[in-house]
Amino acid sequence: MVEQRYLKTVEVRRRYGNIDRSTLWRWETEEGFPPAVKILGLKLWDIADLDAWDAMRRGMAGLGARPVTEPDKAASTEAA
């Protein structure tokens, strides 16, 4: 059996939680989303490119995800 290599627009939207067309457009123009290829008038996304974008976003999710906080001053004064 041949493995599917590309996803249509509706399949890409479904992959990311049924996002709106405008969200997909914004990702394409502002978020560095992988570019689609046009074949016979259809916009198609390479699954490998989407997987790489997902991995990159997962890697970035940990960066700055936790705010840097100072130790609780109330707790340090109680200990003294």
C-alpha atoms as a PDB file:
ATOM      1  CA  MET A   1       0.000   0.000   0.000  1.00  0.00           C
ATOM      2  CA  VAL A   2       1.237   3.508  -0.836  1.00  0.00           C
ATOM      3  CA  GLU A   3       1.697   5.807   2.150  1.00  0.00           C
ATOM      4  CA  GLN A   4      -0.032   9.188   1.846  1.00  0.00           C
ATOM      5  CA  ARG A   5       2.567  11.927   1.711  1.00  0.00           C
ATOM      6  CA  TYR A   6       0.404  15.060   1.424  1.00  0.00           C
ATOM      7  CA  LEU A   7      -2.625  16.476   3.227  1.00  0.00           C
ATOM      8  CA  LYS A   8      -5.347  18.659   1.727  1.00  0.00           C
ATOM      9  CA  THR A   9      -6.382  21.907   3.396  1.00  0.00           C
ATOM     10  CA  VAL A  10      -9.330  20.321   5.193  1.00  0.00           C
ATOM     11  CA  GLU A  11      -7.086  17.544   6.514  1.00  0.00           C
ATOM     12  CA  VAL A  12      -4.504  20.038   7.779  1.00  0.00           C
ATOM     13  CA  ARG A  13      -7.231  22.039   9.532  1.00  0.00           C
ATOM     14  CA  ARG A  14      -8.538  18.822  11.129  1.00  0.00           C
ATOM     15  CA  ARG A  15      -5.013  17.780  12.194  1.00  0.00           C
ATOM     16  CA  TYR A  16      -4.738  20.940  14.284  1.00  0.00           C
ATOM     17  CA  GLY A  17      -8.135  20.709  15.974  1.00  0.00           C
ATOM     18  CA  ASN A  18     -10.491  21.913  13.234  1.00  0.00           C
ATOM     19  CA  ILE A  19      -8.840  25.319  13.066  1.00  0.00           C
ATOM     20  CA  ASP A  20     -10.512  28.018  11.016  1.00  0.00           C
ATOM     21  CA  ARG A  21      -9.286  28.836   7.512  1.00  0.00           C
ATOM     22  CA  SER A  22      -8.213  32.271   8.741  1.00  0.00           C
ATOM     23  CA  THR A  23      -6.046  30.652  11.433  1.00  0.00           C
ATOM     24  CA  LEU A  24      -4.339  28.470   8.844  1.00  0.00           C
ATOM     25  CA  TRP A  25      -3.797  31.528   6.635  1.00  0.00           C
ATOM     26  CA  ARG A  26      -2.299  33.453   9.581  1.00  0.00           C
ATOM     27  CA  TRP A  27       0.009  30.555  10.419  1.00  0.00           C
ATOM     28  CA  GLU A  28       1.133  30.473   6.784  1.00  0.00           C
ATOM     29  CA  THR A  29       1.864  34.204   6.676  1.00  0.00           C
ATOM     30  CA  GLU A  30       3.090  34.929  10.208  1.00  0.00           C
ATOM     31  CA  GLU A  31       3.998  31.770  12.103  1.00  0.00           C
ATOM     32  CA  GLY A  32       6.491  30.093   9.775  1.00  0.00           C
ATOM     33  CA  PHE A  33       4.053  27.316   8.915  1.00  0.00           C
ATOM     34  CA  PRO A  34       5.375  25.015   6.182  1.00  0.00           C
ATOM     35  CA  PRO A  35       4.438  26.226   2.708  1.00  0.00           C
ATOM     36  CA  ALA A  36       1.889  24.318   0.686  1.00  0.00           C
ATOM     37  CA  VAL A  37       2.501  23.111  -2.833  1.00  0.00           C
ATOM     38  CA  LYS A  38      -0.138  23.598  -5.493  1.00  0.00           C
ATOM     39  CA  ILE A  39      -0.924  20.579  -7.607  1.00  0.00           C
ATOM     40  CA  LEU A  40      -3.772  20.837 -10.111  1.00  0.00           C
ATOM     41  CA  GLY A  41      -5.133  23.822  -8.160  1.00  0.00           C
ATOM     42  CA  LEU A  42      -5.102  22.015  -4.796  1.00  0.00           C
ATOM     43  CA  LYS A  43      -3.044  23.270  -1.869  1.00  0.00           C
ATOM     44  CA  LEU A  44      -1.226  20.297  -0.374  1.00  0.00           C
ATOM     45  CA  TRP A  45       1.088  20.090   2.626  1.00  0.00           C
ATOM     46  CA  ASP A  46       3.885  17.560   2.923  1.00  0.00           C
ATOM     47  CA  ILE A  47       3.317  15.495   6.072  1.00  0.00           C
ATOM     48  CA  ALA A  48       7.057  15.409   6.822  1.00  0.00           C
ATOM     49  CA  ASP A  49       7.122  19.238   6.819  1.00  0.00           C
ATOM     50  CA  LEU A  50       4.143  19.359   9.188  1.00  0.00           C
ATOM     51  CA  ASP A  51       5.789  16.807  11.501  1.00  0.00           C
ATOM     52  CA  ALA A  52       8.974  18.912  11.566  1.00  0.00           C
ATOM     53  CA  TRP A  53       6.972  22.080  12.343  1.00  0.00           C
ATOM     54  CA  ASP A  54       5.158  20.250  15.161  1.00  0.00           C
ATOM     55  CA  ALA A  55       8.477  19.065  16.624  1.00  0.00           C
ATOM     56  CA  MET A  56       9.915  22.582  16.442  1.00  0.00           C
ATOM     57  CA  ARG A  57       6.883  24.022  18.229  1.00  0.00           C
ATOM     58  CA  ARG A  58       7.041  21.323  20.912  1.00  0.00           C
ATOM     59  CA  GLY A  59      10.686  22.190  21.475  1.00  0.00           C
ATOM     60  CA  MET A  60       9.865  25.876  21.798  1.00  0.00           C
ATOM     61  CA  ALA A  61       6.976  25.239  24.197  1.00  0.00           C
ATOM     62  CA  GLY A  62       9.429  24.612  27.030  1.00  0.00           C
ATOM     63  CA  LEU A  63      11.357  27.812  26.395  1.00  0.00           C
ATOM     64  CA  GLY A  64      10.047  30.540  28.648  1.00  0.00           C
ATOM     65  CA  ALA A  65       7.034  28.459  29.541  1.00  0.00           C
ATOM     66  CA  ARG A  66       7.620  28.984  33.249  1.00  0.00           C
ATOM     67  CA  PRO A  67       7.867  32.506  34.563  1.00  0.00           C
ATOM     68  CA  VAL A  68      10.921  33.246  36.645  1.00  0.00           C
ATOM     69  CA  THR A  69       9.740  33.996  40.161  1.00  0.00           C
ATOM     70  CA  GLU A  70      11.487  35.162  43.262  1.00  0.00           C
ATOM     71  CA  PRO A  71      11.354  32.971  46.382  1.00  0.00           C
ATOM     72  CA  ASP A  72       8.364  33.654  48.567  1.00  0.00           C
ATOM     73  CA  LYS A  73       9.523  36.423  50.882  1.00  0.00           C
ATOM     74  CA  ALA A  74       6.834  35.645  53.437  1.00  0.00           C
ATOM     75  CA  ALA A  75       8.087  32.061  53.739  1.00  0.00           C
ATOM     76  CA  SER A  76      11.696  33.203  54.197  1.00  0.00           C
ATOM     77  CA  THR A  77      10.781  35.663  56.968  1.00  0.00           C
ATOM     78  CA  GLU A  78       8.753  32.998  58.798  1.00  0.00           C
ATOM     79  CA  ALA A  79      11.733  30.647  58.796  1.00  0.00           C
ATOM     80  CA  ALA A  80      13.956  33.259  60.465  1.00  0.00           C
END
